[in-house]
Amino acid sequence: MQQWLYDLYSYLNCNFVFLAENRTALRELEGLEKVISFVGKKEYDDLHVQALQVLTNCLQDTENVQVRF
């Protein structure tokens, strides 16, 4: 595991995604797609729980819950 990635996801969970403005910024910068892509990479499976927690916190905004085809 790369410590900086662990620290990043810990920071996102503890501080960043609790503010609605930050969740909006993450969405607008396509951060949610990047987190989903990250979860799909097996080499980072030790960080998947933290990444999924970030997604869970972001999905409390209905704007972040969109189906894209």
N, C-alpha and C. Protein backbone atom coordinates (compact mmCIF):
# COMPACT_ATOMS: atom_id res chain seq x y z
N MET A 1 0.85 -1.19 0.00
CA MET A 1 0.00 0.00 0.00
C MET A 1 0.89 1.24 0.00
N GLN A 2 0.47 2.23 -0.75
CA GLN A 2 1.17 3.50 -0.76
C GLN A 2 0.56 4.39 0.31
N GLN A 3 1.38 4.83 1.23
CA GLN A 3 0.89 5.58 2.39
C GLN A 3 0.19 6.87 1.98
N TRP A 4 0.66 7.54 0.95
CA TRP A 4 0.03 8.82 0.57
C TRP A 4 -1.39 8.61 0.08
N LEU A 5 -1.66 7.48 -0.58
CA LEU A 5 -3.03 7.20 -1.02
C LEU A 5 -3.93 6.92 0.18
N TYR A 6 -3.43 6.17 1.12
CA TYR A 6 -4.19 5.90 2.33
C TYR A 6 -4.50 7.21 3.05
N ASP A 7 -3.50 8.07 3.17
CA ASP A 7 -3.69 9.36 3.83
C ASP A 7 -4.70 10.22 3.08
N LEU A 8 -4.65 10.18 1.75
CA LEU A 8 -5.59 10.97 0.94
C LEU A 8 -7.02 10.52 1.18
N TYR A 9 -7.27 9.23 1.12
CA TYR A 9 -8.63 8.74 1.32
C TYR A 9 -9.09 8.96 2.76
N SER A 10 -8.18 8.86 3.70
CA SER A 10 -8.54 9.16 5.10
C SER A 10 -8.93 10.62 5.25
N TYR A 11 -8.18 11.51 4.62
CA TYR A 11 -8.50 12.93 4.67
C TYR A 11 -9.85 13.21 4.02
N LEU A 12 -10.07 12.61 2.85
CA LEU A 12 -11.35 12.81 2.17
C LEU A 12 -12.51 12.37 3.05
N ASN A 13 -12.36 11.23 3.69
CA ASN A 13 -13.44 10.72 4.55
C ASN A 13 -13.64 11.58 5.79
N CYS A 14 -12.57 12.02 6.39
CA CYS A 14 -12.68 12.72 7.67
C CYS A 14 -13.00 14.20 7.53
N ASN A 15 -12.63 14.81 6.44
CA ASN A 15 -12.76 16.25 6.33
C ASN A 15 -13.49 16.73 5.08
N PHE A 16 -13.06 16.27 3.96
CA PHE A 16 -13.44 16.89 2.70
C PHE A 16 -14.90 16.67 2.33
N VAL A 17 -15.36 15.44 2.33
CA VAL A 17 -16.68 15.13 1.76
C VAL A 17 -17.84 15.44 2.68
N PHE A 18 -17.59 15.95 3.86
CA PHE A 18 -18.70 16.28 4.75
C PHE A 18 -19.33 17.63 4.41
N LEU A 19 -18.65 18.45 3.63
CA LEU A 19 -19.22 19.73 3.20
C LEU A 19 -19.84 19.57 1.82
N ALA A 20 -21.07 20.04 1.68
CA ALA A 20 -21.79 19.89 0.42
C ALA A 20 -21.03 20.54 -0.74
N GLU A 21 -20.39 21.67 -0.50
CA GLU A 21 -19.64 22.35 -1.56
C GLU A 21 -18.49 21.49 -2.06
N ASN A 22 -17.87 20.77 -1.17
CA ASN A 22 -16.76 19.91 -1.56
C ASN A 22 -17.25 18.70 -2.34
N ARG A 23 -18.40 18.15 -1.95
CA ARG A 23 -18.96 17.03 -2.71
C ARG A 23 -19.33 17.48 -4.12
N THR A 24 -19.84 18.70 -4.23
CA THR A 24 -20.18 19.25 -5.55
C THR A 24 -18.92 19.41 -6.39
N ALA A 25 -17.87 19.96 -5.80
CA ALA A 25 -16.60 20.14 -6.52
C ALA A 25 -16.04 18.80 -6.97
N LEU A 26 -16.09 17.80 -6.10
CA LEU A 26 -15.60 16.48 -6.46
C LEU A 26 -16.36 15.92 -7.66
N ARG A 27 -17.68 16.12 -7.67
CA ARG A 27 -18.50 15.67 -8.80
C ARG A 27 -18.14 16.43 -10.06
N GLU A 28 -18.04 17.74 -9.98
CA GLU A 28 -17.77 18.55 -11.16
C GLU A 28 -16.39 18.28 -11.75
N LEU A 29 -15.46 17.88 -10.92
CA LEU A 29 -14.11 17.56 -11.39
C LEU A 29 -13.95 16.09 -11.79
N GLU A 30 -15.10 15.40 -11.88
CA GLU A 30 -15.15 13.99 -12.25
C GLU A 30 -14.39 13.11 -11.25
N GLY A 31 -14.35 13.57 -10.01
CA GLY A 31 -13.67 12.81 -8.96
C GLY A 31 -14.37 11.51 -8.61
N LEU A 32 -15.71 11.51 -8.70
CA LEU A 32 -16.44 10.29 -8.38
C LEU A 32 -16.09 9.18 -9.37
N GLU A 33 -15.99 9.53 -10.64
CA GLU A 33 -15.60 8.55 -11.65
C GLU A 33 -14.20 8.02 -11.38
N LYS A 34 -13.31 8.90 -10.92
CA LYS A 34 -11.94 8.48 -10.62
C LYS A 34 -11.91 7.54 -9.41
N VAL A 35 -12.74 7.82 -8.41
CA VAL A 35 -12.79 6.93 -7.25
C VAL A 35 -13.34 5.57 -7.65
N ILE A 36 -14.37 5.56 -8.49
CA ILE A 36 -14.94 4.29 -8.97
C ILE A 36 -13.90 3.51 -9.76
N SER A 37 -13.17 4.20 -10.62
CA SER A 37 -12.10 3.55 -11.39
C SER A 37 -11.02 2.99 -10.47
N PHE A 38 -10.69 3.73 -9.44
CA PHE A 38 -9.69 3.30 -8.47
C PHE A 38 -10.12 2.00 -7.79
N VAL A 39 -11.40 1.91 -7.43
CA VAL A 39 -11.90 0.71 -6.77
C VAL A 39 -11.79 -0.51 -7.69
N GLY A 40 -11.79 -0.28 -8.99
CA GLY A 40 -11.67 -1.38 -9.93
C GLY A 40 -10.25 -1.90 -10.12
N LYS A 41 -9.28 -1.29 -9.49
CA LYS A 41 -7.88 -1.70 -9.65
C LYS A 41 -7.48 -2.61 -8.49
N LYS A 42 -7.19 -3.84 -8.85
CA LYS A 42 -6.88 -4.85 -7.83
C LYS A 42 -5.63 -4.51 -7.03
N GLU A 43 -4.67 -3.83 -7.62
CA GLU A 43 -3.43 -3.54 -6.90
C GLU A 43 -3.64 -2.60 -5.71
N TYR A 44 -4.81 -1.95 -5.65
CA TYR A 44 -5.12 -1.06 -4.54
C TYR A 44 -6.22 -1.61 -3.64
N ASP A 45 -6.37 -2.92 -3.64
CA ASP A 45 -7.49 -3.50 -2.88
C ASP A 45 -7.43 -3.22 -1.39
N ASP A 46 -6.26 -2.90 -0.86
CA ASP A 46 -6.17 -2.58 0.56
C ASP A 46 -6.75 -1.20 0.88
N LEU A 47 -7.03 -0.41 -0.14
CA LEU A 47 -7.61 0.92 0.05
C LEU A 47 -9.06 1.02 -0.41
N HIS A 48 -9.60 -0.08 -0.89
CA HIS A 48 -10.96 -0.05 -1.43
C HIS A 48 -12.00 0.35 -0.39
N VAL A 49 -11.83 -0.07 0.85
CA VAL A 49 -12.80 0.29 1.89
C VAL A 49 -12.85 1.80 2.06
N GLN A 50 -11.69 2.44 2.13
CA GLN A 50 -11.66 3.90 2.29
C GLN A 50 -12.28 4.59 1.07
N ALA A 51 -11.98 4.09 -0.12
CA ALA A 51 -12.55 4.69 -1.33
C ALA A 51 -14.06 4.54 -1.36
N LEU A 52 -14.56 3.39 -0.94
CA LEU A 52 -16.01 3.18 -0.91
C LEU A 52 -16.67 4.06 0.15
N GLN A 53 -15.96 4.35 1.22
CA GLN A 53 -16.51 5.26 2.23
C GLN A 53 -16.63 6.67 1.65
N VAL A 54 -15.67 7.09 0.84
CA VAL A 54 -15.75 8.39 0.18
C VAL A 54 -16.99 8.41 -0.72
N LEU A 55 -17.18 7.36 -1.51
CA LEU A 55 -18.36 7.29 -2.38
C LEU A 55 -19.65 7.33 -1.58
N THR A 56 -19.69 6.60 -0.49
CA THR A 56 -20.89 6.58 0.35
C THR A 56 -21.22 7.98 0.85
N ASN A 57 -20.21 8.69 1.31
CA ASN A 57 -20.44 10.06 1.79
C ASN A 57 -20.89 10.98 0.67
N CYS A 58 -20.36 10.79 -0.53
CA CYS A 58 -20.74 11.64 -1.65
C CYS A 58 -22.15 11.36 -2.14
N LEU A 59 -22.60 10.12 -2.00
CA LEU A 59 -23.90 9.75 -2.53
C LEU A 59 -25.06 10.25 -1.69
N GLN A 60 -24.79 10.95 -0.62
CA GLN A 60 -25.89 11.55 0.13
C GLN A 60 -26.48 12.75 -0.61
N ASP A 61 -25.77 13.26 -1.62
CA ASP A 61 -26.29 14.33 -2.48
C ASP A 61 -26.97 13.69 -3.69
N THR A 62 -28.22 14.04 -3.92
CA THR A 62 -28.95 13.42 -5.03
C THR A 62 -28.33 13.75 -6.38
N GLU A 63 -27.63 14.87 -6.49
CA GLU A 63 -26.99 15.22 -7.77
C GLU A 63 -25.88 14.24 -8.11
N ASN A 64 -25.32 13.61 -7.10
CA ASN A 64 -24.24 12.65 -7.33
C ASN A 64 -24.75 11.28 -7.71
N VAL A 65 -26.04 11.07 -7.54
CA VAL A 65 -26.62 9.77 -7.87
C VAL A 65 -27.29 9.90 -9.24
N GLN A 66 -26.51 9.61 -10.26
CA GLN A 66 -27.02 9.70 -11.63
C GLN A 66 -26.59 8.44 -12.38
N VAL A 67 -27.48 7.96 -13.21
CA VAL A 67 -27.15 6.81 -14.05
C VAL A 67 -26.69 7.38 -15.38
N ARG A 68 -25.52 6.97 -15.82
CA ARG A 68 -24.97 7.45 -17.10
C ARG A 68 -24.91 6.29 -18.07
N PHE A 69 -25.43 6.52 -19.26
CA PHE A 69 -25.41 5.50 -20.30
C PHE A 69 -24.58 5.96 -21.45
